[in-house]
Amino acid sequence: TPGQNGVRERAFQSLKYERLYREQIDDALDLVREADAYRAEFNTVRPHQALAWNRPSDVHRGLADPTVPNFPEPEILPTT
């Protein structure tokens, strides 16, 4: 579907700019390690706007609804 393609494209762009362009990649094994670590973070740690700020792994396992926002309690940050 079009939405999934957009998520994949953003994920690949994020992988490049957040990991591959910032880390020294010496060989194919380093590339695989970096890509695997990023995929795990992308799917299990980071909430996604396209999934109403839920994590992809939670949506996939049926633990979250991709249309219902799952926001943590708001933090009150200092203003000065």
PDB file of N, CA and C in Angstrom:
ATOM      1  N   THR A   1       0.835  -1.185   0.000  1.00  0.00           N
ATOM      2  CA  THR A   1       0.000   0.000   0.000  1.00  0.00           C
ATOM      3  C   THR A   1       0.879   1.247   0.000  1.00  0.00           C
ATOM      4  N   PRO A   2       0.342   2.370  -0.405  1.00  0.00           N
ATOM      5  CA  PRO A   2       1.150   3.589  -0.462  1.00  0.00           C
ATOM      6  C   PRO A   2       1.729   3.990   0.889  1.00  0.00           C
ATOM      7  N   GLY A   3       0.978   3.842   1.962  1.00  0.00           N
ATOM      8  CA  GLY A   3       1.481   4.213   3.284  1.00  0.00           C
ATOM      9  C   GLY A   3       2.682   3.398   3.701  1.00  0.00           C
ATOM     10  N   GLN A   4       2.655   2.106   3.413  1.00  0.00           N
ATOM     11  CA  GLN A   4       3.780   1.245   3.758  1.00  0.00           C
ATOM     12  C   GLN A   4       5.020   1.621   2.967  1.00  0.00           C
ATOM     13  N   ASN A   5       4.857   1.984   1.703  1.00  0.00           N
ATOM     14  CA  ASN A   5       6.007   2.393   0.903  1.00  0.00           C
ATOM     15  C   ASN A   5       6.650   3.640   1.477  1.00  0.00           C
ATOM     16  N   GLY A   6       5.842   4.588   1.916  1.00  0.00           N
ATOM     17  CA  GLY A   6       6.375   5.808   2.511  1.00  0.00           C
ATOM     18  C   GLY A   6       7.134   5.526   3.796  1.00  0.00           C
ATOM     19  N   VAL A   7       6.599   4.618   4.617  1.00  0.00           N
ATOM     20  CA  VAL A   7       7.277   4.252   5.863  1.00  0.00           C
ATOM     21  C   VAL A   7       8.614   3.591   5.539  1.00  0.00           C
ATOM     22  N   ARG A   8       8.626   2.693   4.552  1.00  0.00           N
ATOM     23  CA  ARG A   8       9.883   2.034   4.165  1.00  0.00           C
ATOM     24  C   ARG A   8      10.904   3.042   3.665  1.00  0.00           C
ATOM     25  N   GLU A   9      10.462   3.980   2.844  1.00  0.00           N
ATOM     26  CA  GLU A   9      11.389   4.984   2.316  1.00  0.00           C
ATOM     27  C   GLU A   9      11.947   5.850   3.434  1.00  0.00           C
ATOM     28  N   ARG A  10      11.098   6.252   4.380  1.00  0.00           N
ATOM     29  CA  ARG A  10      11.584   7.054   5.508  1.00  0.00           C
ATOM     30  C   ARG A  10      12.535   6.240   6.373  1.00  0.00           C
ATOM     31  N   ALA A  11      12.226   4.973   6.563  1.00  0.00           N
ATOM     32  CA  ALA A  11      13.099   4.118   7.368  1.00  0.00           C
ATOM     33  C   ALA A  11      14.469   3.991   6.723  1.00  0.00           C
ATOM     34  N   PHE A  12      14.513   3.794   5.417  1.00  0.00           N
ATOM     35  CA  PHE A  12      15.792   3.661   4.737  1.00  0.00           C
ATOM     36  C   PHE A  12      16.562   4.975   4.783  1.00  0.00           C
ATOM     37  N   GLN A  13      15.875   6.094   4.601  1.00  0.00           N
ATOM     38  CA  GLN A  13      16.544   7.391   4.675  1.00  0.00           C
ATOM     39  C   GLN A  13      17.087   7.618   6.087  1.00  0.00           C
ATOM     40  N   SER A  14      16.312   7.291   7.101  1.00  0.00           N
ATOM     41  CA  SER A  14      16.771   7.446   8.478  1.00  0.00           C
ATOM     42  C   SER A  14      17.965   6.541   8.752  1.00  0.00           C
ATOM     43  N   LEU A  15      17.925   5.322   8.266  1.00  0.00           N
ATOM     44  CA  LEU A  15      19.058   4.401   8.432  1.00  0.00           C
ATOM     45  C   LEU A  15      20.320   5.031   7.858  1.00  0.00           C
ATOM     46  N   LYS A  16      20.231   5.576   6.669  1.00  0.00           N
ATOM     47  CA  LYS A  16      21.408   6.168   6.037  1.00  0.00           C
ATOM     48  C   LYS A  16      21.935   7.347   6.846  1.00  0.00           C
ATOM     49  N   TYR A  17      21.052   8.281   7.189  1.00  0.00           N
ATOM     50  CA  TYR A  17      21.516   9.519   7.817  1.00  0.00           C
ATOM     51  C   TYR A  17      21.814   9.376   9.305  1.00  0.00           C
ATOM     52  N   GLU A  18      21.137   8.466  10.000  1.00  0.00           N
ATOM     53  CA  GLU A  18      21.363   8.323  11.434  1.00  0.00           C
ATOM     54  C   GLU A  18      22.429   7.298  11.774  1.00  0.00           C
ATOM     55  N   ARG A  19      22.688   6.359  10.898  1.00  0.00           N
ATOM     56  CA  ARG A  19      23.666   5.317  11.194  1.00  0.00           C
ATOM     57  C   ARG A  19      24.784   5.228  10.171  1.00  0.00           C
ATOM     58  N   LEU A  20      24.432   4.956   8.926  1.00  0.00           N
ATOM     59  CA  LEU A  20      25.456   4.599   7.950  1.00  0.00           C
ATOM     60  C   LEU A  20      26.379   5.755   7.598  1.00  0.00           C
ATOM     61  N   TYR A  21      25.867   6.950   7.534  1.00  0.00           N
ATOM     62  CA  TYR A  21      26.720   8.094   7.197  1.00  0.00           C
ATOM     63  C   TYR A  21      27.512   8.587   8.401  1.00  0.00           C
ATOM     64  N   ARG A  22      27.144   8.163   9.609  1.00  0.00           N
ATOM     65  CA  ARG A  22      27.823   8.626  10.829  1.00  0.00           C
ATOM     66  C   ARG A  22      28.829   7.614  11.369  1.00  0.00           C
ATOM     67  N   GLU A  23      28.713   6.379  10.979  1.00  0.00           N
ATOM     68  CA  GLU A  23      29.583   5.328  11.489  1.00  0.00           C
ATOM     69  C   GLU A  23      30.590   4.926  10.421  1.00  0.00           C
ATOM     70  N   GLN A  24      31.740   4.458  10.872  1.00  0.00           N
ATOM     71  CA  GLN A  24      32.704   3.928   9.922  1.00  0.00           C
ATOM     72  C   GLN A  24      32.289   2.491   9.600  1.00  0.00           C
ATOM     73  N   ILE A  25      32.030   2.249   8.337  1.00  0.00           N
ATOM     74  CA  ILE A  25      31.623   0.926   7.878  1.00  0.00           C
ATOM     75  C   ILE A  25      32.805   0.352   7.098  1.00  0.00           C
ATOM     76  N   ASP A  26      33.476  -0.622   7.706  1.00  0.00           N
ATOM     77  CA  ASP A  26      34.693  -1.171   7.097  1.00  0.00           C
ATOM     78  C   ASP A  26      34.423  -2.310   6.130  1.00  0.00           C
ATOM     79  N   ASP A  27      33.348  -3.049   6.360  1.00  0.00           N
ATOM     80  CA  ASP A  27      33.086  -4.198   5.494  1.00  0.00           C
ATOM     81  C   ASP A  27      31.594  -4.555   5.561  1.00  0.00           C
ATOM     82  N   ALA A  28      31.241  -5.595   4.849  1.00  0.00           N
ATOM     83  CA  ALA A  28      29.835  -6.004   4.779  1.00  0.00           C
ATOM     84  C   ALA A  28      29.301  -6.433   6.144  1.00  0.00           C
ATOM     85  N   LEU A  29      30.140  -7.037   6.977  1.00  0.00           N
ATOM     86  CA  LEU A  29      29.683  -7.450   8.307  1.00  0.00           C
ATOM     87  C   LEU A  29      29.340  -6.243   9.173  1.00  0.00           C
ATOM     88  N   ASP A  30      30.151  -5.179   9.088  1.00  0.00           N
ATOM     89  CA  ASP A  30      29.820  -3.950   9.811  1.00  0.00           C
ATOM     90  C   ASP A  30      28.502  -3.368   9.313  1.00  0.00           C
ATOM     91  N   LEU A  31      28.296  -3.405   8.015  1.00  0.00           N
ATOM     92  CA  LEU A  31      27.058  -2.892   7.431  1.00  0.00           C
ATOM     93  C   LEU A  31      25.856  -3.674   7.952  1.00  0.00           C
ATOM     94  N   VAL A  32      25.974  -4.987   7.991  1.00  0.00           N
ATOM     95  CA  VAL A  32      24.877  -5.830   8.491  1.00  0.00           C
ATOM     96  C   VAL A  32      24.619  -5.552   9.964  1.00  0.00           C
ATOM     97  N   ARG A  33      25.675  -5.421  10.762  1.00  0.00           N
ATOM     98  CA  ARG A  33      25.505  -5.138  12.204  1.00  0.00           C
ATOM     99  C   ARG A  33      24.805  -3.803  12.422  1.00  0.00           C
ATOM    100  N   GLU A  34      25.237  -2.772  11.718  1.00  0.00           N
ATOM    101  CA  GLU A  34      24.608  -1.460  11.872  1.00  0.00           C
ATOM    102  C   GLU A  34      23.152  -1.483  11.420  1.00  0.00           C
ATOM    103  N   ALA A  35      22.885  -2.124  10.302  1.00  0.00           N
ATOM    104  CA  ALA A  35      21.512  -2.190   9.794  1.00  0.00           C
ATOM    105  C   ALA A  35      20.616  -2.982  10.751  1.00  0.00           C
ATOM    106  N   ASP A  36      21.112  -4.084  11.292  1.00  0.00           N
ATOM    107  CA  ASP A  36      20.322  -4.880  12.241  1.00  0.00           C
ATOM    108  C   ASP A  36      20.031  -4.100  13.526  1.00  0.00           C
ATOM    109  N   ALA A  37      21.036  -3.401  14.043  1.00  0.00           N
ATOM    110  CA  ALA A  37      20.840  -2.615  15.268  1.00  0.00           C
ATOM    111  C   ALA A  37      19.826  -1.507  15.024  1.00  0.00           C
ATOM    112  N   TYR A  38      19.923  -0.863  13.874  1.00  0.00           N
ATOM    113  CA  TYR A  38      18.985   0.213  13.566  1.00  0.00           C
ATOM    114  C   TYR A  38      17.567  -0.335  13.393  1.00  0.00           C
ATOM    115  N   ARG A  39      17.436  -1.472  12.711  1.00  0.00           N
ATOM    116  CA  ARG A  39      16.105  -2.066  12.505  1.00  0.00           C
ATOM    117  C   ARG A  39      15.453  -2.405  13.844  1.00  0.00           C
ATOM    118  N   ALA A  40      16.232  -2.944  14.773  1.00  0.00           N
ATOM    119  CA  ALA A  40      15.684  -3.265  16.090  1.00  0.00           C
ATOM    120  C   ALA A  40      15.216  -1.996  16.801  1.00  0.00           C
ATOM    121  N   GLU A  41      16.036  -0.935  16.758  1.00  0.00           N
ATOM    122  CA  GLU A  41      15.646   0.334  17.377  1.00  0.00           C
ATOM    123  C   GLU A  41      14.419   0.925  16.692  1.00  0.00           C
ATOM    124  N   PHE A  42      14.401   0.906  15.371  1.00  0.00           N
ATOM    125  CA  PHE A  42      13.307   1.484  14.595  1.00  0.00           C
ATOM    126  C   PHE A  42      11.976   0.802  14.908  1.00  0.00           C
ATOM    127  N   ASN A  43      12.001  -0.501  15.097  1.00  0.00           N
ATOM    128  CA  ASN A  43      10.764  -1.263  15.299  1.00  0.00           C
ATOM    129  C   ASN A  43      10.329  -1.396  16.748  1.00  0.00           C
ATOM    130  N   THR A  44      11.263  -1.314  17.705  1.00  0.00           N
ATOM    131  CA  THR A  44      10.897  -1.609  19.086  1.00  0.00           C
ATOM    132  C   THR A  44      11.055  -0.444  20.049  1.00  0.00           C
ATOM    133  N   VAL A  45      11.832   0.570  19.677  1.00  0.00           N
ATOM    134  CA  VAL A  45      12.101   1.672  20.599  1.00  0.00           C
ATOM    135  C   VAL A  45      11.408   2.949  20.171  1.00  0.00           C
ATOM    136  N   ARG A  46      11.510   3.279  18.911  1.00  0.00           N
ATOM    137  CA  ARG A  46      11.039   4.572  18.424  1.00  0.00           C
ATOM    138  C   ARG A  46       9.555   4.568  18.077  1.00  0.00           C
ATOM    139  N   PRO A  47       8.779   5.497  18.647  1.00  0.00           N
ATOM    140  CA  PRO A  47       7.388   5.638  18.207  1.00  0.00           C
ATOM    141  C   PRO A  47       7.358   6.310  16.835  1.00  0.00           C
ATOM    142  N   HIS A  48       6.328   6.011  16.051  1.00  0.00           N
ATOM    143  CA  HIS A  48       6.240   6.512  14.685  1.00  0.00           C
ATOM    144  C   HIS A  48       4.986   7.348  14.487  1.00  0.00           C
ATOM    145  N   GLN A  49       5.167   8.506  13.896  1.00  0.00           N
ATOM    146  CA  GLN A  49       4.054   9.411  13.641  1.00  0.00           C
ATOM    147  C   GLN A  49       2.991   8.729  12.783  1.00  0.00           C
ATOM    148  N   ALA A  50       3.405   7.972  11.766  1.00  0.00           N
ATOM    149  CA  ALA A  50       2.453   7.314  10.864  1.00  0.00           C
ATOM    150  C   ALA A  50       1.612   6.251  11.570  1.00  0.00           C
ATOM    151  N   LEU A  51       2.032   5.836  12.756  1.00  0.00           N
ATOM    152  CA  LEU A  51       1.292   4.830  13.535  1.00  0.00           C
ATOM    153  C   LEU A  51       0.711   5.450  14.803  1.00  0.00           C
ATOM    154  N   ALA A  52       0.365   6.728  14.725  1.00  0.00           N
ATOM    155  CA  ALA A  52      -0.194   7.464  15.875  1.00  0.00           C
ATOM    156  C   ALA A  52       0.748   7.397  17.069  1.00  0.00           C
ATOM    157  N   TRP A  53       2.032   7.499  16.782  1.00  0.00           N
ATOM    158  CA  TRP A  53       3.089   7.503  17.791  1.00  0.00           C
ATOM    159  C   TRP A  53       3.178   6.198  18.574  1.00  0.00           C
ATOM    160  N   ASN A  54       2.816   5.111  17.926  1.00  0.00           N
ATOM    161  CA  ASN A  54       3.017   3.785  18.496  1.00  0.00           C
ATOM    162  C   ASN A  54       4.266   3.175  17.882  1.00  0.00           C
ATOM    163  N   ARG A  55       4.776   2.132  18.508  1.00  0.00           N
ATOM    164  CA  ARG A  55       5.943   1.430  17.983  1.00  0.00           C
ATOM    165  C   ARG A  55       5.473   0.336  17.022  1.00  0.00           C
ATOM    166  N   PRO A  56       6.181   0.171  15.899  1.00  0.00           N
ATOM    167  CA  PRO A  56       5.766  -0.831  14.918  1.00  0.00           C
ATOM    168  C   PRO A  56       5.611  -2.241  15.501  1.00  0.00           C
ATOM    169  N   SER A  57       6.511  -2.643  16.385  1.00  0.00           N
ATOM    170  CA  SER A  57       6.399  -3.995  16.947  1.00  0.00           C
ATOM    171  C   SER A  57       5.126  -4.146  17.775  1.00  0.00           C
ATOM    172  N   ASP A  58       4.733  -3.095  18.495  1.00  0.00           N
ATOM    173  CA  ASP A  58       3.492  -3.158  19.281  1.00  0.00           C
ATOM    174  C   ASP A  58       2.269  -3.261  18.375  1.00  0.00           C
ATOM    175  N   VAL A  59       2.269  -2.500  17.286  1.00  0.00           N
ATOM    176  CA  VAL A  59       1.155  -2.555  16.338  1.00  0.00           C
ATOM    177  C   VAL A  59       1.104  -3.941  15.690  1.00  0.00           C
ATOM    178  N   HIS A  60       2.247  -4.444  15.271  1.00  0.00           N
ATOM    179  CA  HIS A  60       2.304  -5.756  14.607  1.00  0.00           C
ATOM    180  C   HIS A  60       1.797  -6.878  15.517  1.00  0.00           C
ATOM    181  N   ARG A  61       2.118  -6.805  16.798  1.00  0.00           N
ATOM    182  CA  ARG A  61       1.697  -7.843  17.747  1.00  0.00           C
ATOM    183  C   ARG A  61       0.295  -7.612  18.293  1.00  0.00           C
ATOM    184  N   GLY A  62      -0.374  -6.541  17.850  1.00  0.00           N
ATOM    185  CA  GLY A  62      -1.730  -6.269  18.302  1.00  0.00           C
ATOM    186  C   GLY A  62      -1.803  -5.627  19.673  1.00  0.00           C
ATOM    187  N   LEU A  63      -0.696  -5.115  20.172  1.00  0.00           N
ATOM    188  CA  LEU A  63      -0.673  -4.481  21.484  1.00  0.00           C
ATOM    189  C   LEU A  63      -1.024  -3.001  21.423  1.00  0.00           C
ATOM    190  N   ALA A  64      -1.066  -2.447  20.205  1.00  0.00           N
ATOM    191  CA  ALA A  64      -1.407  -1.036  20.034  1.00  0.00           C
ATOM    192  C   ALA A  64      -2.207  -0.888  18.750  1.00  0.00           C
ATOM    193  N   ASP A  65      -3.083   0.084  18.750  1.00  0.00           N
ATOM    194  CA  ASP A  65      -3.900   0.403  17.584  1.00  0.00           C
ATOM    195  C   ASP A  65      -3.199   1.523  16.814  1.00  0.00           C
ATOM    196  N   PRO A  66      -2.897   1.322  15.526  1.00  0.00           N
ATOM    197  CA  PRO A  66      -2.167   2.344  14.774  1.00  0.00           C
ATOM    198  C   PRO A  66      -2.948   3.634  14.536  1.00  0.00           C
ATOM    199  N   THR A  67      -4.202   3.673  14.977  1.00  0.00           N
ATOM    200  CA  THR A  67      -5.001   4.895  14.816  1.00  0.00           C
ATOM    201  C   THR A  67      -5.241   5.618  16.135  1.00  0.00           C
ATOM    202  N   VAL A  68      -4.815   5.004  17.248  1.00  0.00           N
ATOM    203  CA  VAL A  68      -5.030   5.598  18.570  1.00  0.00           C
ATOM    204  C   VAL A  68      -3.670   5.998  19.153  1.00  0.00           C
ATOM    205  N   PRO A  69      -3.459   7.306  19.355  1.00  0.00           N
ATOM    206  CA  PRO A  69      -2.160   7.739  19.895  1.00  0.00           C
ATOM    207  C   PRO A  69      -1.855   7.109  21.245  1.00  0.00           C
ATOM    208  N   ASN A  70      -0.607   6.783  21.417  1.00  0.00           N
ATOM    209  CA  ASN A  70      -0.128   6.183  22.650  1.00  0.00           C
ATOM    210  C   ASN A  70       0.982   7.077  23.199  1.00  0.00           C
ATOM    211  N   PHE A  71       0.583   8.210  23.758  1.00  0.00           N
ATOM    212  CA  PHE A  71       1.550   9.171  24.262  1.00  0.00           C
ATOM    213  C   PHE A  71       1.888   8.859  25.714  1.00  0.00           C
ATOM    214  N   PRO A  72       3.174   8.972  26.057  1.00  0.00           N
ATOM    215  CA  PRO A  72       3.512   8.888  27.478  1.00  0.00           C
ATOM    216  C   PRO A  72       3.055  10.167  28.172  1.00  0.00           C
ATOM    217  N   GLU A  73       3.095  10.142  29.493  1.00  0.00           N
ATOM    218  CA  GLU A  73       2.746  11.350  30.239  1.00  0.00           C
ATOM    219  C   GLU A  73       3.659  12.485  29.787  1.00  0.00           C
ATOM    220  N   PRO A  74       3.105  13.658  29.573  1.00  0.00           N
ATOM    221  CA  PRO A  74       3.954  14.769  29.115  1.00  0.00           C
ATOM    222  C   PRO A  74       4.979  15.164  30.167  1.00  0.00           C
ATOM    223  N   GLU A  75       6.179  15.479  29.703  1.00  0.00           N
ATOM    224  CA  GLU A  75       7.212  15.958  30.608  1.00  0.00           C
ATOM    225  C   GLU A  75       7.067  17.471  30.752  1.00  0.00           C
ATOM    226  N   ILE A  76       7.305  17.947  31.935  1.00  0.00           N
ATOM    227  CA  ILE A  76       7.329  19.386  32.165  1.00  0.00           C
ATOM    228  C   ILE A  76       8.808  19.773  32.171  1.00  0.00           C
ATOM    229  N   LEU A  77       9.205  20.467  31.114  1.00  0.00           N
ATOM    230  CA  LEU A  77      10.603  20.848  30.986  1.00  0.00           C
ATOM    231  C   LEU A  77      10.810  22.255  31.520  1.00  0.00           C
ATOM    232  N   PRO A  78      11.985  22.501  32.077  1.00  0.00           N
ATOM    233  CA  PRO A  78      12.258  23.856  32.561  1.00  0.00           C
ATOM    234  C   PRO A  78      12.276  24.851  31.399  1.00  0.00           C
ATOM    235  N   THR A  79      11.810  26.053  31.681  1.00  0.00           N
ATOM    236  CA  THR A  79      11.771  27.070  30.629  1.00  0.00           C
ATOM    237  C   THR A  79      12.967  27.999  30.700  1.00  0.00           C
ATOM    238  N   THR A  80      13.775  27.887  31.746  1.00  0.00           N
ATOM    239  CA  THR A  80      14.970  28.732  31.835  1.00  0.00           C
ATOM    240  C   THR A  80      16.192  27.905  32.125  1.00  0.00           C
TER     241      THR A  80
END
